[in-house]
Amino acid sequence: MKKVLIGITIFILIAVIVIILLLKNKKEEVVVEPVEQELQDTIKIVVNETELIVNLEDNRTKKALLEKLDDGDIIINAQDYSNFEKVGDLGFNLPRSDKYIKTEPGDVILYSGNQIVLFYGTNTWNYTKIGKINITGEELKSILGDGDITYTITK
């Protein structure tokens, strides 16, 4: 009987040692959750070698515009309209979430889904706001000049 108890004890000790070794060598499984890429908060508008920083709104228009800019810079030919804004065709559509708003100088606006508007004055209409250039209307008007212009939107 003593031999049986010694055998059982040795068996239990060996089993415990094996379990400890297995647990010690067990690799932890690491689960990596996909992280949504954070979008940048600014873009640049370059007019006559002057860089204007646009602080972007947090909306689906921003996301779509940034995706378009991944393909390269966007060149806009804009016309002056009513001496308070420069309006240019994007050449493509962006998603809209129009609201009846009063624009301010420096607002960068999407109009009709395919036109971009730089406001150096004010207006009230249904627009989707893309972002804001922190500059006065007079400063922006001075940079944009009179008449038609060409500018570049870039990251």
C-alpha atoms as a PDB file:
ATOM      1  CA  MET A   1       0.000   0.000   0.000  1.00  0.00           C
ATOM      2  CA  LYS A   2       2.888   2.343   0.744  1.00  0.00           C
ATOM      3  CA  LYS A   3       4.244   1.755  -2.746  1.00  0.00           C
ATOM      4  CA  VAL A   4       0.859   2.617  -4.239  1.00  0.00           C
ATOM      5  CA  LEU A   5       0.657   5.908  -2.248  1.00  0.00           C
ATOM      6  CA  ILE A   6       4.217   6.797  -3.241  1.00  0.00           C
ATOM      7  CA  GLY A   7       3.366   6.056  -6.877  1.00  0.00           C
ATOM      8  CA  ILE A   8       0.203   8.186  -6.737  1.00  0.00           C
ATOM      9  CA  THR A   9       2.102  11.030  -5.047  1.00  0.00           C
ATOM     10  CA  ILE A  10       4.860  10.909  -7.657  1.00  0.00           C
ATOM     11  CA  PHE A  11       2.238  10.825 -10.417  1.00  0.00           C
ATOM     12  CA  ILE A  12       0.424  13.860  -8.919  1.00  0.00           C
ATOM     13  CA  LEU A  13       3.734  15.774  -8.527  1.00  0.00           C
ATOM     14  CA  ILE A  14       4.692  15.044 -12.126  1.00  0.00           C
ATOM     15  CA  ALA A  15       1.210  16.125 -13.315  1.00  0.00           C
ATOM     16  CA  VAL A  16       1.444  19.379 -11.322  1.00  0.00           C
ATOM     17  CA  ILE A  17       4.920  20.088 -12.710  1.00  0.00           C
ATOM     18  CA  VAL A  18       3.721  19.444 -16.281  1.00  0.00           C
ATOM     19  CA  ILE A  19       0.692  21.719 -15.779  1.00  0.00           C
ATOM     20  CA  ILE A  20       2.893  24.491 -14.336  1.00  0.00           C
ATOM     21  CA  LEU A  21       5.318  24.190 -17.256  1.00  0.00           C
ATOM     22  CA  LEU A  22       2.477  24.248 -19.767  1.00  0.00           C
ATOM     23  CA  LEU A  23       0.917  27.335 -18.178  1.00  0.00           C
ATOM     24  CA  LYS A  24       4.280  29.052 -17.991  1.00  0.00           C
ATOM     25  CA  ASN A  25       4.950  28.452 -21.691  1.00  0.00           C
ATOM     26  CA  LYS A  26       1.409  29.272 -22.830  1.00  0.00           C
ATOM     27  CA  LYS A  27       1.526  32.274 -25.144  1.00  0.00           C
ATOM     28  CA  GLU A  28      -1.033  34.965 -24.615  1.00  0.00           C
ATOM     29  CA  GLU A  29      -3.256  35.592 -27.575  1.00  0.00           C
ATOM     30  CA  VAL A  30      -3.285  39.262 -28.501  1.00  0.00           C
ATOM     31  CA  VAL A  31      -6.394  40.532 -30.249  1.00  0.00           C
ATOM     32  CA  VAL A  32      -5.759  43.592 -32.390  1.00  0.00           C
ATOM     33  CA  GLU A  33      -8.887  45.623 -32.996  1.00  0.00           C
ATOM     34  CA  PRO A  34      -8.958  47.676 -36.186  1.00  0.00           C
ATOM     35  CA  VAL A  35      -8.598  51.351 -35.368  1.00  0.00           C
ATOM     36  CA  GLU A  36     -10.434  53.863 -37.497  1.00  0.00           C
ATOM     37  CA  GLN A  37      -7.908  56.178 -39.045  1.00  0.00           C
ATOM     38  CA  GLU A  38      -8.233  59.668 -37.664  1.00  0.00           C
ATOM     39  CA  LEU A  39      -8.721  62.235 -40.397  1.00  0.00           C
ATOM     40  CA  GLN A  40      -6.634  65.356 -40.555  1.00  0.00           C
ATOM     41  CA  ASP A  41      -8.244  68.599 -39.436  1.00  0.00           C
ATOM     42  CA  THR A  42      -6.769  71.036 -41.963  1.00  0.00           C
ATOM     43  CA  ILE A  43      -6.085  71.493 -45.653  1.00  0.00           C
ATOM     44  CA  LYS A  44      -4.368  74.302 -47.547  1.00  0.00           C
ATOM     45  CA  ILE A  45      -5.619  76.626 -50.226  1.00  0.00           C
ATOM     46  CA  VAL A  46      -2.742  78.144 -52.195  1.00  0.00           C
ATOM     47  CA  VAL A  47      -3.486  81.439 -53.956  1.00  0.00           C
ATOM     48  CA  ASN A  48      -0.636  83.242 -55.743  1.00  0.00           C
ATOM     49  CA  GLU A  49       1.940  81.477 -53.544  1.00  0.00           C
ATOM     50  CA  THR A  50       0.041  82.446 -50.363  1.00  0.00           C
ATOM     51  CA  GLU A  51      -0.949  79.421 -48.241  1.00  0.00           C
ATOM     52  CA  LEU A  52      -4.249  79.704 -46.432  1.00  0.00           C
ATOM     53  CA  ILE A  53      -4.968  77.089 -43.749  1.00  0.00           C
ATOM     54  CA  VAL A  54      -8.543  75.784 -43.735  1.00  0.00           C
ATOM     55  CA  ASN A  55      -9.742  74.323 -40.423  1.00  0.00           C
ATOM     56  CA  LEU A  56     -12.098  71.569 -41.539  1.00  0.00           C
ATOM     57  CA  GLU A  57     -15.567  70.820 -40.225  1.00  0.00           C
ATOM     58  CA  ASP A  58     -16.214  67.312 -38.933  1.00  0.00           C
ATOM     59  CA  ASN A  59     -18.619  65.989 -41.561  1.00  0.00           C
ATOM     60  CA  ARG A  60     -18.827  63.508 -44.423  1.00  0.00           C
ATOM     61  CA  THR A  61     -17.878  66.235 -46.909  1.00  0.00           C
ATOM     62  CA  LYS A  62     -14.506  66.540 -45.153  1.00  0.00           C
ATOM     63  CA  LYS A  63     -13.910  62.797 -45.416  1.00  0.00           C
ATOM     64  CA  ALA A  64     -14.791  62.707 -49.125  1.00  0.00           C
ATOM     65  CA  LEU A  65     -12.652  65.773 -49.885  1.00  0.00           C
ATOM     66  CA  LEU A  66      -9.649  64.296 -48.076  1.00  0.00           C
ATOM     67  CA  GLU A  67     -10.093  61.056 -50.059  1.00  0.00           C
ATOM     68  CA  LYS A  68     -10.081  63.078 -53.314  1.00  0.00           C
ATOM     69  CA  LEU A  69      -6.931  64.883 -52.163  1.00  0.00           C
ATOM     70  CA  ASP A  70      -5.247  61.489 -51.691  1.00  0.00           C
ATOM     71  CA  ASP A  71      -5.298  61.332 -55.508  1.00  0.00           C
ATOM     72  CA  GLY A  72      -3.550  64.710 -55.776  1.00  0.00           C
ATOM     73  CA  ASP A  73      -4.072  68.447 -55.540  1.00  0.00           C
ATOM     74  CA  ILE A  74      -7.288  70.017 -56.829  1.00  0.00           C
ATOM     75  CA  ILE A  75      -7.021  73.097 -59.040  1.00  0.00           C
ATOM     76  CA  ILE A  76      -9.978  75.478 -58.948  1.00  0.00           C
ATOM     77  CA  ASN A  77     -10.806  78.206 -61.455  1.00  0.00           C
ATOM     78  CA  ALA A  78     -13.058  80.578 -59.532  1.00  0.00           C
ATOM     79  CA  GLN A  79     -15.134  83.552 -60.542  1.00  0.00           C
ATOM     80  CA  ASP A  80     -16.000  86.514 -58.378  1.00  0.00           C
ATOM     81  CA  TYR A  81     -19.696  86.669 -57.595  1.00  0.00           C
ATOM     82  CA  SER A  82     -21.473  89.781 -56.282  1.00  0.00           C
ATOM     83  CA  ASN A  83     -18.308  91.101 -54.665  1.00  0.00           C
ATOM     84  CA  PHE A  84     -18.523  88.818 -51.588  1.00  0.00           C
ATOM     85  CA  GLU A  85     -17.390  85.358 -52.768  1.00  0.00           C
ATOM     86  CA  LYS A  86     -15.256  83.389 -55.225  1.00  0.00           C
ATOM     87  CA  VAL A  87     -17.096  80.405 -56.743  1.00  0.00           C
ATOM     88  CA  GLY A  88     -15.358  77.537 -58.552  1.00  0.00           C
ATOM     89  CA  ASP A  89     -16.391  74.204 -60.032  1.00  0.00           C
ATOM     90  CA  LEU A  90     -14.819  71.158 -58.370  1.00  0.00           C
ATOM     91  CA  GLY A  91     -15.251  68.914 -61.390  1.00  0.00           C
ATOM     92  CA  PHE A  92     -16.809  66.219 -59.183  1.00  0.00           C
ATOM     93  CA  ASN A  93     -19.516  65.910 -56.535  1.00  0.00           C
ATOM     94  CA  LEU A  94     -19.073  65.750 -52.781  1.00  0.00           C
ATOM     95  CA  PRO A  95     -21.707  64.601 -50.279  1.00  0.00           C
ATOM     96  CA  ARG A  96     -23.912  67.434 -49.013  1.00  0.00           C
ATOM     97  CA  SER A  97     -25.524  68.179 -45.681  1.00  0.00           C
ATOM     98  CA  ASP A  98     -26.957  71.599 -46.518  1.00  0.00           C
ATOM     99  CA  LYS A  99     -28.219  73.860 -43.756  1.00  0.00           C
ATOM    100  CA  TYR A 100     -29.602  77.355 -43.932  1.00  0.00           C
ATOM    101  CA  ILE A 101     -26.647  79.363 -42.591  1.00  0.00           C
ATOM    102  CA  LYS A 102     -25.206  82.841 -42.669  1.00  0.00           C
ATOM    103  CA  THR A 103     -21.656  82.697 -43.971  1.00  0.00           C
ATOM    104  CA  GLU A 104     -18.800  84.766 -42.581  1.00  0.00           C
ATOM    105  CA  PRO A 105     -15.559  85.945 -44.153  1.00  0.00           C
ATOM    106  CA  GLY A 106     -13.168  82.998 -44.365  1.00  0.00           C
ATOM    107  CA  ASP A 107     -15.869  80.350 -44.711  1.00  0.00           C
ATOM    108  CA  VAL A 108     -15.138  77.601 -47.238  1.00  0.00           C
ATOM    109  CA  ILE A 109     -18.450  76.256 -48.487  1.00  0.00           C
ATOM    110  CA  LEU A 110     -19.764  73.461 -50.703  1.00  0.00           C
ATOM    111  CA  TYR A 111     -22.560  74.704 -52.940  1.00  0.00           C
ATOM    112  CA  SER A 112     -24.823  72.395 -54.982  1.00  0.00           C
ATOM    113  CA  GLY A 113     -22.487  69.476 -54.215  1.00  0.00           C
ATOM    114  CA  ASN A 114     -19.986  70.380 -56.936  1.00  0.00           C
ATOM    115  CA  GLN A 115     -18.898  73.982 -56.373  1.00  0.00           C
ATOM    116  CA  ILE A 116     -16.555  75.367 -53.757  1.00  0.00           C
ATOM    117  CA  VAL A 117     -17.028  78.900 -52.484  1.00  0.00           C
ATOM    118  CA  LEU A 118     -14.533  81.111 -50.629  1.00  0.00           C
ATOM    119  CA  PHE A 119     -16.396  83.855 -48.776  1.00  0.00           C
ATOM    120  CA  TYR A 120     -14.742  87.190 -48.091  1.00  0.00           C
ATOM    121  CA  GLY A 121     -18.162  88.708 -47.358  1.00  0.00           C
ATOM    122  CA  THR A 122     -21.410  87.292 -45.991  1.00  0.00           C
ATOM    123  CA  ASN A 123     -24.466  85.599 -47.419  1.00  0.00           C
ATOM    124  CA  THR A 124     -27.353  83.490 -46.157  1.00  0.00           C
ATOM    125  CA  TRP A 125     -28.370  80.348 -48.020  1.00  0.00           C
ATOM    126  CA  ASN A 126     -28.484  76.534 -47.900  1.00  0.00           C
ATOM    127  CA  TYR A 127     -24.862  75.418 -47.822  1.00  0.00           C
ATOM    128  CA  THR A 128     -22.599  72.658 -46.546  1.00  0.00           C
ATOM    129  CA  LYS A 129     -19.702  74.131 -44.602  1.00  0.00           C
ATOM    130  CA  ILE A 130     -16.340  72.576 -45.430  1.00  0.00           C
ATOM    131  CA  GLY A 131     -14.202  74.710 -43.153  1.00  0.00           C
ATOM    132  CA  LYS A 132     -12.948  78.099 -42.079  1.00  0.00           C
ATOM    133  CA  ILE A 133      -9.898  80.218 -42.869  1.00  0.00           C
ATOM    134  CA  ASN A 134      -9.104  82.325 -39.818  1.00  0.00           C
ATOM    135  CA  ILE A 135      -8.637  85.644 -41.565  1.00  0.00           C
ATOM    136  CA  THR A 136     -10.583  88.875 -41.904  1.00  0.00           C
ATOM    137  CA  GLY A 137     -12.689  89.583 -44.955  1.00  0.00           C
ATOM    138  CA  GLU A 138     -10.426  92.457 -45.957  1.00  0.00           C
ATOM    139  CA  GLU A 139      -7.291  90.327 -45.703  1.00  0.00           C
ATOM    140  CA  LEU A 140      -8.883  87.511 -47.691  1.00  0.00           C
ATOM    141  CA  LYS A 141     -10.204  89.913 -50.362  1.00  0.00           C
ATOM    142  CA  SER A 142      -6.704  91.357 -50.677  1.00  0.00           C
ATOM    143  CA  ILE A 143      -5.210  87.877 -51.211  1.00  0.00           C
ATOM    144  CA  LEU A 144      -7.943  86.749 -53.626  1.00  0.00           C
ATOM    145  CA  GLY A 145      -7.900  90.016 -55.583  1.00  0.00           C
ATOM    146  CA  ASP A 146     -10.485  91.248 -58.061  1.00  0.00           C
ATOM    147  CA  GLY A 147     -12.021  89.131 -60.785  1.00  0.00           C
ATOM    148  CA  ASP A 148     -11.363  85.500 -61.651  1.00  0.00           C
ATOM    149  CA  ILE A 149      -8.626  83.498 -59.924  1.00  0.00           C
ATOM    150  CA  THR A 150      -7.031  80.062 -59.968  1.00  0.00           C
ATOM    151  CA  TYR A 151      -6.041  78.367 -56.717  1.00  0.00           C
ATOM    152  CA  THR A 152      -4.955  74.963 -55.497  1.00  0.00           C
ATOM    153  CA  ILE A 153      -6.408  72.827 -52.718  1.00  0.00           C
ATOM    154  CA  THR A 154      -3.811  70.562 -51.144  1.00  0.00           C
ATOM    155  CA  LYS A 155      -3.149  68.506 -48.050  1.00  0.00           C
END
